[in-house]
């Protein structure tokens, strides 16, 4: 068992006992699964594309919006701070994948959009990403995936119904 496997199993072990509650066990199982997948995706993005997961996420947002997005909007969509978004955009701009513009000469507003090369690179990354997920879940019956998608959606809905404070907090 690799280091990542051990760390993920440990998340579940802490809730595996006579007093453990099913809600805690489910949360830790989802968390450990997400961590396993994210760690592997990060490794593969770095190895095959020299990219980070935040760069991939940012490019995914821009790929969906052909006219680009304001940096603040990217920050909201990716849940990454404005300062980090600026750094990510600057790095992708240096690589020729993203272009920054100031519409109508308003220096207070910066819009980022993918370049033609950025669109091509992201399309290749997205196809690989989809393949990696398919590969990682190859041992799971498609019907199980479909049921889990539905069931985890019900968990998500319940959680959303019981959040404290305003939605943006």
N, C-alpha and C. Protein backbone atom coordinates (compact mmCIF):
# COMPACT_ATOMS: atom_id res chain seq x y z
N UNK A 1 0.85 -1.18 0.00
CA UNK A 1 0.00 0.00 0.00
C UNK A 1 0.88 1.23 0.00
N UNK A 2 0.59 2.18 -0.90
CA UNK A 2 1.38 3.40 -1.00
C UNK A 2 1.08 4.37 0.12
N UNK A 3 1.88 5.43 0.17
CA UNK A 3 1.70 6.45 1.21
C UNK A 3 0.33 7.11 1.13
N UNK A 4 -0.13 7.40 -0.09
CA UNK A 4 -1.44 8.02 -0.26
C UNK A 4 -2.54 7.08 0.21
N UNK A 5 -2.41 5.79 -0.12
CA UNK A 5 -3.41 4.81 0.31
C UNK A 5 -3.50 4.77 1.82
N UNK A 6 -2.35 4.74 2.48
CA UNK A 6 -2.32 4.67 3.94
C UNK A 6 -2.97 5.90 4.56
N UNK A 7 -2.68 7.07 4.01
CA UNK A 7 -3.27 8.30 4.56
C UNK A 7 -4.78 8.29 4.41
N UNK A 8 -5.28 7.80 3.28
CA UNK A 8 -6.72 7.76 3.06
C UNK A 8 -7.39 6.75 3.96
N UNK A 9 -6.78 5.59 4.12
CA UNK A 9 -7.35 4.58 4.99
C UNK A 9 -7.40 5.11 6.42
N UNK A 10 -6.36 5.83 6.82
CA UNK A 10 -6.32 6.38 8.18
C UNK A 10 -7.51 7.29 8.46
N UNK A 11 -7.96 8.04 7.46
CA UNK A 11 -9.13 8.90 7.65
C UNK A 11 -10.34 8.07 8.07
N UNK A 12 -10.47 6.91 7.49
CA UNK A 12 -11.60 6.06 7.82
C UNK A 12 -11.38 5.32 9.14
N UNK A 13 -10.16 4.96 9.45
CA UNK A 13 -9.87 4.24 10.69
C UNK A 13 -10.25 5.07 11.91
N UNK A 14 -10.06 6.38 11.83
CA UNK A 14 -10.36 7.20 13.01
C UNK A 14 -11.85 7.19 13.34
N UNK A 15 -12.68 6.82 12.36
CA UNK A 15 -14.12 6.76 12.62
C UNK A 15 -14.63 5.33 12.66
N UNK A 16 -13.72 4.37 12.69
CA UNK A 16 -14.12 2.96 12.66
C UNK A 16 -14.04 2.39 14.07
N UNK A 17 -15.14 2.40 14.73
CA UNK A 17 -15.19 1.87 16.09
C UNK A 17 -16.63 1.73 16.53
N UNK A 18 -16.82 1.20 17.72
CA UNK A 18 -18.18 0.95 18.18
C UNK A 18 -19.02 2.21 18.36
N UNK A 19 -18.37 3.34 18.56
CA UNK A 19 -19.12 4.59 18.76
C UNK A 19 -19.20 5.44 17.51
N UNK A 20 -18.64 4.94 16.40
CA UNK A 20 -18.63 5.75 15.18
C UNK A 20 -20.04 5.86 14.60
N UNK A 21 -20.33 7.01 14.09
CA UNK A 21 -21.63 7.30 13.52
C UNK A 21 -21.57 7.14 12.00
N UNK A 22 -22.64 6.65 11.40
CA UNK A 22 -22.61 6.43 9.94
C UNK A 22 -22.36 7.71 9.15
N UNK A 23 -22.85 8.86 9.64
CA UNK A 23 -22.64 10.12 8.94
C UNK A 23 -21.16 10.49 8.92
N UNK A 24 -20.47 10.25 10.04
CA UNK A 24 -19.04 10.53 10.11
C UNK A 24 -18.27 9.58 9.19
N UNK A 25 -18.64 8.33 9.22
CA UNK A 25 -17.96 7.34 8.38
C UNK A 25 -18.14 7.67 6.90
N UNK A 26 -19.37 8.06 6.51
CA UNK A 26 -19.63 8.42 5.11
C UNK A 26 -18.82 9.64 4.71
N UNK A 27 -18.81 10.66 5.57
CA UNK A 27 -18.06 11.88 5.26
C UNK A 27 -16.58 11.56 5.06
N UNK A 28 -16.01 10.76 5.95
CA UNK A 28 -14.59 10.42 5.83
C UNK A 28 -14.33 9.55 4.61
N UNK A 29 -15.24 8.68 4.25
CA UNK A 29 -15.08 7.87 3.04
C UNK A 29 -15.08 8.78 1.81
N UNK A 30 -16.02 9.73 1.73
CA UNK A 30 -16.06 10.65 0.59
C UNK A 30 -14.81 11.52 0.55
N UNK A 31 -14.38 11.99 1.72
CA UNK A 31 -13.19 12.83 1.80
C UNK A 31 -11.95 12.06 1.35
N UNK A 32 -11.79 10.84 1.83
CA UNK A 32 -10.60 10.07 1.47
C UNK A 32 -10.61 9.70 -0.01
N UNK A 33 -11.79 9.42 -0.57
CA UNK A 33 -11.88 9.11 -2.00
C UNK A 33 -11.52 10.34 -2.83
N UNK A 34 -12.05 11.49 -2.43
CA UNK A 34 -11.73 12.74 -3.13
C UNK A 34 -10.23 13.02 -3.08
N UNK A 35 -9.63 12.78 -1.92
CA UNK A 35 -8.19 13.02 -1.77
C UNK A 35 -7.38 12.09 -2.67
N UNK A 36 -7.77 10.82 -2.72
CA UNK A 36 -7.07 9.87 -3.60
C UNK A 36 -7.13 10.32 -5.06
N UNK A 37 -8.33 10.67 -5.50
CA UNK A 37 -8.51 11.08 -6.90
C UNK A 37 -7.74 12.36 -7.18
N UNK A 38 -7.88 13.35 -6.32
CA UNK A 38 -7.19 14.64 -6.53
C UNK A 38 -5.69 14.48 -6.57
N UNK A 39 -5.16 13.66 -5.68
CA UNK A 39 -3.71 13.44 -5.65
C UNK A 39 -3.23 12.82 -6.96
N UNK A 40 -3.97 11.84 -7.44
CA UNK A 40 -3.58 11.18 -8.69
C UNK A 40 -3.72 12.12 -9.89
N UNK A 41 -4.80 12.89 -9.93
CA UNK A 41 -5.00 13.85 -11.02
C UNK A 41 -3.86 14.87 -11.02
N UNK A 42 -3.51 15.37 -9.83
CA UNK A 42 -2.40 16.32 -9.73
C UNK A 42 -1.11 15.73 -10.30
N UNK A 43 -0.80 14.49 -9.94
CA UNK A 43 0.42 13.82 -10.43
C UNK A 43 0.40 13.70 -11.95
N UNK A 44 -0.73 13.28 -12.48
CA UNK A 44 -0.82 13.06 -13.92
C UNK A 44 -0.79 14.38 -14.70
N UNK A 45 -1.44 15.41 -14.19
CA UNK A 45 -1.38 16.72 -14.85
C UNK A 45 0.06 17.22 -14.91
N UNK A 46 0.77 17.08 -13.79
CA UNK A 46 2.16 17.54 -13.72
C UNK A 46 3.03 16.74 -14.68
N UNK A 47 2.88 15.41 -14.66
CA UNK A 47 3.73 14.54 -15.48
C UNK A 47 3.46 14.70 -16.98
N UNK A 48 2.21 14.78 -17.36
CA UNK A 48 1.88 14.78 -18.79
C UNK A 48 1.77 16.17 -19.41
N UNK A 49 1.44 17.18 -18.59
CA UNK A 49 1.22 18.51 -19.16
C UNK A 49 2.04 19.60 -18.48
N UNK A 50 2.76 19.27 -17.42
CA UNK A 50 3.50 20.30 -16.69
C UNK A 50 2.58 21.33 -16.07
N UNK A 51 1.36 20.89 -15.72
CA UNK A 51 0.35 21.81 -15.21
C UNK A 51 -0.06 21.42 -13.79
N UNK A 52 -0.65 22.38 -13.10
CA UNK A 52 -1.17 22.13 -11.75
C UNK A 52 -2.70 21.99 -11.84
N UNK A 53 -3.29 21.43 -10.80
CA UNK A 53 -4.75 21.31 -10.75
C UNK A 53 -5.42 22.69 -10.75
N UNK A 54 -4.91 23.68 -9.99
CA UNK A 54 -5.52 25.01 -10.08
C UNK A 54 -5.44 25.62 -11.50
N UNK A 55 -4.35 25.38 -12.22
CA UNK A 55 -4.27 25.86 -13.60
C UNK A 55 -5.32 25.18 -14.46
N UNK A 56 -5.47 23.88 -14.29
CA UNK A 56 -6.48 23.12 -15.03
C UNK A 56 -7.87 23.68 -14.72
N UNK A 57 -8.17 23.89 -13.45
CA UNK A 57 -9.48 24.41 -13.05
C UNK A 57 -9.74 25.80 -13.66
N UNK A 58 -8.74 26.66 -13.62
CA UNK A 58 -8.88 28.00 -14.19
C UNK A 58 -9.13 27.91 -15.70
N UNK A 59 -8.35 27.08 -16.38
CA UNK A 59 -8.52 26.93 -17.82
C UNK A 59 -9.89 26.34 -18.16
N UNK A 60 -10.40 25.45 -17.30
CA UNK A 60 -11.72 24.87 -17.52
C UNK A 60 -12.80 25.96 -17.49
N UNK A 61 -12.67 26.88 -16.57
CA UNK A 61 -13.63 27.99 -16.49
C UNK A 61 -13.56 28.85 -17.75
N UNK A 62 -12.36 29.15 -18.21
CA UNK A 62 -12.20 29.98 -19.40
C UNK A 62 -12.64 29.24 -20.66
N UNK A 63 -12.48 27.94 -20.68
CA UNK A 63 -12.89 27.13 -21.83
C UNK A 63 -14.40 27.23 -22.05
N UNK A 64 -15.12 27.33 -20.95
CA UNK A 64 -16.59 27.41 -21.01
C UNK A 64 -17.08 28.80 -21.43
N UNK A 65 -16.22 29.79 -21.31
CA UNK A 65 -16.60 31.18 -21.58
C UNK A 65 -15.68 31.75 -22.66
N UNK A 66 -16.10 31.61 -23.90
CA UNK A 66 -15.24 32.00 -25.03
C UNK A 66 -14.84 33.48 -25.01
N UNK A 67 -15.69 34.34 -24.41
CA UNK A 67 -15.37 35.76 -24.35
C UNK A 67 -14.52 36.10 -23.12
N UNK A 68 -14.20 35.11 -22.34
CA UNK A 68 -13.38 35.32 -21.16
C UNK A 68 -14.20 35.64 -19.92
N UNK A 69 -13.49 35.78 -18.82
CA UNK A 69 -14.10 36.08 -17.53
C UNK A 69 -13.27 37.11 -16.79
N UNK A 70 -13.95 37.92 -16.00
CA UNK A 70 -13.24 38.83 -15.09
C UNK A 70 -12.52 37.98 -14.05
N UNK A 71 -11.38 38.47 -13.60
CA UNK A 71 -10.60 37.70 -12.63
C UNK A 71 -11.40 37.43 -11.36
N UNK A 72 -12.19 38.39 -10.93
CA UNK A 72 -13.02 38.20 -9.73
C UNK A 72 -14.03 37.08 -9.90
N UNK A 73 -14.57 36.95 -11.10
CA UNK A 73 -15.53 35.88 -11.38
C UNK A 73 -14.83 34.52 -11.38
N UNK A 74 -13.62 34.48 -11.92
CA UNK A 74 -12.85 33.23 -11.88
C UNK A 74 -12.60 32.84 -10.43
N UNK A 75 -12.26 33.81 -9.62
CA UNK A 75 -12.02 33.56 -8.20
C UNK A 75 -13.24 32.94 -7.53
N UNK A 76 -14.42 33.50 -7.78
CA UNK A 76 -15.66 32.97 -7.20
C UNK A 76 -15.93 31.54 -7.67
N UNK A 77 -15.75 31.31 -8.96
CA UNK A 77 -16.07 30.00 -9.53
C UNK A 77 -15.11 28.91 -9.07
N UNK A 78 -13.86 29.28 -8.85
CA UNK A 78 -12.86 28.28 -8.47
C UNK A 78 -12.58 28.26 -6.97
N UNK A 79 -13.15 29.19 -6.24
CA UNK A 79 -12.93 29.33 -4.80
C UNK A 79 -11.44 29.51 -4.47
N UNK A 80 -10.76 30.27 -5.33
CA UNK A 80 -9.35 30.61 -5.15
C UNK A 80 -9.29 32.12 -4.97
N UNK A 81 -8.43 32.59 -4.07
CA UNK A 81 -8.36 34.02 -3.79
C UNK A 81 -7.97 34.82 -5.03
N UNK A 82 -8.37 36.09 -5.05
CA UNK A 82 -8.04 36.98 -6.17
C UNK A 82 -6.54 37.03 -6.43
N UNK A 83 -5.75 37.12 -5.36
CA UNK A 83 -4.30 37.19 -5.52
C UNK A 83 -3.74 35.95 -6.19
N UNK A 84 -4.24 34.79 -5.79
CA UNK A 84 -3.77 33.55 -6.40
C UNK A 84 -4.23 33.43 -7.85
N UNK A 85 -5.44 33.91 -8.13
CA UNK A 85 -5.93 33.89 -9.51
C UNK A 85 -5.02 34.75 -10.38
N UNK A 86 -4.64 35.91 -9.89
CA UNK A 86 -3.74 36.80 -10.65
C UNK A 86 -2.44 36.08 -10.96
N UNK A 87 -1.87 35.41 -9.98
CA UNK A 87 -0.63 34.66 -10.21
C UNK A 87 -0.80 33.53 -11.21
N UNK A 88 -1.90 32.80 -11.11
CA UNK A 88 -2.17 31.71 -12.05
C UNK A 88 -2.32 32.25 -13.47
N UNK A 89 -3.07 33.33 -13.61
CA UNK A 89 -3.29 33.93 -14.93
C UNK A 89 -1.96 34.43 -15.50
N UNK A 90 -1.15 35.07 -14.67
CA UNK A 90 0.15 35.58 -15.14
C UNK A 90 1.01 34.43 -15.66
N UNK A 91 1.04 33.32 -14.93
CA UNK A 91 1.85 32.17 -15.34
C UNK A 91 1.34 31.58 -16.66
N UNK A 92 0.03 31.44 -16.78
CA UNK A 92 -0.55 30.90 -18.01
C UNK A 92 -0.37 31.86 -19.19
N UNK A 93 -0.32 33.16 -18.89
CA UNK A 93 -0.08 34.15 -19.94
C UNK A 93 1.36 34.03 -20.45
N UNK A 94 2.31 33.86 -19.53
CA UNK A 94 3.71 33.67 -19.92
C UNK A 94 3.85 32.43 -20.81
N UNK A 95 3.06 31.39 -20.52
CA UNK A 95 3.09 30.16 -21.30
C UNK A 95 2.33 30.27 -22.62
N UNK A 96 1.70 31.42 -22.86
CA UNK A 96 0.97 31.62 -24.10
C UNK A 96 -0.40 30.95 -24.15
N UNK A 97 -0.94 30.60 -22.98
CA UNK A 97 -2.21 29.89 -22.93
C UNK A 97 -3.39 30.80 -22.61
N UNK A 98 -3.11 31.93 -21.99
CA UNK A 98 -4.15 32.88 -21.56
C UNK A 98 -3.74 34.28 -21.97
N UNK A 99 -4.73 35.09 -22.27
CA UNK A 99 -4.51 36.49 -22.61
C UNK A 99 -5.32 37.34 -21.64
N UNK A 100 -4.69 38.39 -21.11
CA UNK A 100 -5.42 39.34 -20.24
C UNK A 100 -5.74 40.58 -21.03
N UNK A 101 -6.96 41.09 -20.82
CA UNK A 101 -7.40 42.29 -21.52
C UNK A 101 -8.09 43.22 -20.53
N UNK A 102 -8.08 44.51 -20.86
CA UNK A 102 -8.84 45.49 -20.07
C UNK A 102 -9.89 46.08 -21.00
N UNK A 103 -11.14 45.59 -20.90
CA UNK A 103 -12.19 46.06 -21.79
C UNK A 103 -12.44 47.56 -21.63
N UNK A 104 -12.65 48.21 -22.73
CA UNK A 104 -12.96 49.65 -22.76
C UNK A 104 -11.89 50.48 -22.05
N UNK A 105 -10.68 49.97 -21.95
CA UNK A 105 -9.59 50.71 -21.34
C UNK A 105 -9.73 50.92 -19.84
N UNK A 106 -10.68 50.23 -19.20
CA UNK A 106 -10.90 50.38 -17.76
C UNK A 106 -9.90 49.49 -17.02
N UNK A 107 -8.87 50.11 -16.46
CA UNK A 107 -7.79 49.36 -15.81
C UNK A 107 -8.23 48.69 -14.52
N UNK A 108 -9.43 49.02 -14.04
CA UNK A 108 -9.94 48.37 -12.83
C UNK A 108 -10.50 46.98 -13.13
N UNK A 109 -10.74 46.72 -14.42
CA UNK A 109 -11.34 45.44 -14.83
C UNK A 109 -10.35 44.69 -15.70
N UNK A 110 -10.06 43.46 -15.32
CA UNK A 110 -9.21 42.61 -16.13
C UNK A 110 -9.98 41.35 -16.48
N UNK A 111 -10.00 41.05 -17.77
CA UNK A 111 -10.66 39.86 -18.28
C UNK A 111 -9.59 38.92 -18.81
N UNK A 112 -9.72 37.66 -18.49
CA UNK A 112 -8.80 36.64 -19.00
C UNK A 112 -9.58 35.74 -19.95
N UNK A 113 -8.90 35.31 -21.01
CA UNK A 113 -9.51 34.35 -21.93
C UNK A 113 -8.41 33.45 -22.47
N UNK A 114 -8.82 32.26 -22.88
CA UNK A 114 -7.85 31.33 -23.46
C UNK A 114 -7.42 31.82 -24.84
N UNK A 115 -6.16 31.63 -25.14
CA UNK A 115 -5.67 31.86 -26.50
C UNK A 115 -6.07 30.63 -27.33
N UNK A 116 -5.84 30.69 -28.63
CA UNK A 116 -6.11 29.52 -29.49
C UNK A 116 -5.27 28.34 -29.01
N UNK A 117 -4.03 28.60 -28.68
CA UNK A 117 -3.16 27.53 -28.17
C UNK A 117 -3.67 27.02 -26.82
N UNK A 118 -4.13 27.93 -25.97
CA UNK A 118 -4.68 27.54 -24.68
C UNK A 118 -5.90 26.65 -24.83
N UNK A 119 -6.73 26.95 -25.81
CA UNK A 119 -7.91 26.13 -26.08
C UNK A 119 -7.50 24.73 -26.51
N UNK A 120 -6.50 24.64 -27.38
CA UNK A 120 -6.01 23.33 -27.83
C UNK A 120 -5.40 22.54 -26.67
N UNK A 121 -4.58 23.19 -25.88
CA UNK A 121 -3.93 22.52 -24.75
C UNK A 121 -4.97 22.06 -23.75
N UNK A 122 -5.94 22.93 -23.44
CA UNK A 122 -6.95 22.53 -22.47
C UNK A 122 -7.79 21.36 -23.00
N UNK A 123 -8.15 21.37 -24.27
CA UNK A 123 -8.93 20.27 -24.83
C UNK A 123 -8.19 18.95 -24.66
N UNK A 124 -6.88 18.96 -24.86
CA UNK A 124 -6.08 17.74 -24.66
C UNK A 124 -6.05 17.35 -23.18
N UNK A 125 -5.90 18.34 -22.31
CA UNK A 125 -5.90 18.06 -20.87
C UNK A 125 -7.24 17.50 -20.42
N UNK A 126 -8.33 18.08 -20.91
CA UNK A 126 -9.67 17.64 -20.51
C UNK A 126 -9.93 16.21 -20.98
N UNK A 127 -9.50 15.89 -22.19
CA UNK A 127 -9.68 14.52 -22.69
C UNK A 127 -8.88 13.53 -21.84
N UNK A 128 -7.65 13.91 -21.50
CA UNK A 128 -6.83 13.05 -20.65
C UNK A 128 -7.47 12.89 -19.27
N UNK A 129 -7.94 14.00 -18.71
CA UNK A 129 -8.59 14.00 -17.39
C UNK A 129 -9.77 13.04 -17.38
N UNK A 130 -10.59 13.12 -18.40
CA UNK A 130 -11.75 12.23 -18.50
C UNK A 130 -11.30 10.77 -18.56
N UNK A 131 -10.26 10.50 -19.33
CA UNK A 131 -9.72 9.14 -19.43
C UNK A 131 -9.16 8.65 -18.10
N UNK A 132 -8.48 9.54 -17.37
CA UNK A 132 -7.92 9.15 -16.08
C UNK A 132 -9.03 8.75 -15.11
N UNK A 133 -10.10 9.55 -15.08
CA UNK A 133 -11.22 9.23 -14.19
C UNK A 133 -11.86 7.90 -14.59
N UNK A 134 -12.04 7.70 -15.87
CA UNK A 134 -12.60 6.43 -16.36
C UNK A 134 -11.69 5.27 -15.94
N UNK A 135 -10.39 5.46 -16.07
CA UNK A 135 -9.42 4.44 -15.69
C UNK A 135 -9.47 4.14 -14.18
N UNK A 136 -9.51 5.19 -13.37
CA UNK A 136 -9.53 5.01 -11.92
C UNK A 136 -10.81 4.33 -11.45
N UNK A 137 -11.89 4.51 -12.19
CA UNK A 137 -13.17 3.93 -11.79
C UNK A 137 -13.55 2.70 -12.62
N UNK A 138 -12.57 2.14 -13.32
CA UNK A 138 -12.82 1.01 -14.23
C UNK A 138 -13.38 -0.22 -13.52
N UNK A 139 -13.11 -0.38 -12.24
CA UNK A 139 -13.57 -1.56 -11.51
C UNK A 139 -14.96 -1.38 -10.92
N UNK A 140 -15.59 -0.25 -11.21
CA UNK A 140 -16.92 0.04 -10.67
C UNK A 140 -17.94 -0.07 -11.80
N UNK A 141 -18.97 -0.86 -11.58
CA UNK A 141 -20.02 -1.04 -12.57
C UNK A 141 -20.67 0.31 -12.89
N UNK A 142 -20.93 0.61 -14.16
CA UNK A 142 -21.57 1.88 -14.53
C UNK A 142 -22.89 2.14 -13.80
N UNK A 143 -23.64 1.09 -13.53
CA UNK A 143 -24.90 1.27 -12.79
C UNK A 143 -24.63 1.74 -11.37
N UNK A 144 -23.55 1.26 -10.77
CA UNK A 144 -23.17 1.70 -9.42
C UNK A 144 -22.79 3.17 -9.45
N UNK A 145 -22.02 3.56 -10.46
CA UNK A 145 -21.63 4.97 -10.60
C UNK A 145 -22.88 5.85 -10.72
N UNK A 146 -23.83 5.41 -11.52
CA UNK A 146 -25.06 6.18 -11.69
C UNK A 146 -25.83 6.30 -10.38
N UNK A 147 -25.95 5.21 -9.65
CA UNK A 147 -26.66 5.25 -8.36
C UNK A 147 -25.92 6.12 -7.36
N UNK A 148 -24.60 5.99 -7.31
CA UNK A 148 -23.81 6.82 -6.39
C UNK A 148 -23.98 8.29 -6.72
N UNK A 149 -23.96 8.63 -8.00
CA UNK A 149 -24.12 10.03 -8.41
C UNK A 149 -25.43 10.56 -7.85
N UNK A 150 -26.49 9.78 -8.00
CA UNK A 150 -27.80 10.19 -7.49
C UNK A 150 -27.79 10.27 -5.95
N UNK A 151 -27.28 9.23 -5.30
CA UNK A 151 -27.30 9.17 -3.84
C UNK A 151 -26.43 10.26 -3.20
N UNK A 152 -25.25 10.48 -3.75
CA UNK A 152 -24.39 11.53 -3.21
C UNK A 152 -25.03 12.90 -3.46
N UNK A 153 -25.77 13.02 -4.55
CA UNK A 153 -26.53 14.25 -4.80
C UNK A 153 -27.56 14.50 -3.71
N UNK A 154 -28.17 13.45 -3.22
CA UNK A 154 -29.13 13.58 -2.11
C UNK A 154 -28.41 14.01 -0.83
N UNK A 155 -27.22 13.46 -0.60
CA UNK A 155 -26.43 13.88 0.57
C UNK A 155 -26.08 15.36 0.42
N UNK A 156 -25.62 15.75 -0.75
CA UNK A 156 -25.26 17.15 -1.00
C UNK A 156 -26.45 18.07 -0.77
N UNK A 157 -27.60 17.68 -1.26
CA UNK A 157 -28.81 18.48 -1.07
C UNK A 157 -29.16 18.63 0.41
N UNK A 158 -29.05 17.55 1.15
CA UNK A 158 -29.34 17.60 2.58
C UNK A 158 -28.36 18.54 3.29
N UNK A 159 -27.09 18.41 2.96
CA UNK A 159 -26.08 19.29 3.56
C UNK A 159 -26.41 20.75 3.24
N UNK A 160 -26.72 21.03 1.98
CA UNK A 160 -27.05 22.40 1.57
C UNK A 160 -28.26 22.94 2.34
N UNK A 161 -29.20 22.07 2.64
CA UNK A 161 -30.40 22.48 3.38
C UNK A 161 -30.12 22.81 4.84
N UNK A 162 -28.96 22.41 5.34
CA UNK A 162 -28.68 22.59 6.76
C UNK A 162 -27.42 23.39 7.03
N UNK A 163 -27.02 24.22 6.07
CA UNK A 163 -25.85 25.07 6.25
C UNK A 163 -26.18 26.24 7.16
N UNK A 164 -25.21 26.68 7.90
CA UNK A 164 -25.40 27.87 8.75
C UNK A 164 -24.92 29.09 8.00
N UNK A 165 -25.50 30.23 8.27
CA UNK A 165 -25.05 31.49 7.68
C UNK A 165 -25.45 31.64 6.24
N UNK A 166 -24.96 32.69 5.65
CA UNK A 166 -25.27 33.02 4.27
C UNK A 166 -24.54 32.06 3.33
N UNK A 167 -25.05 31.85 2.13
CA UNK A 167 -24.45 30.90 1.18
C UNK A 167 -23.00 31.20 0.84
N UNK A 168 -22.59 32.48 0.84
CA UNK A 168 -21.22 32.83 0.45
C UNK A 168 -20.23 32.76 1.61
N UNK A 169 -20.68 32.41 2.79
CA UNK A 169 -19.76 32.39 3.95
C UNK A 169 -18.98 31.12 3.98
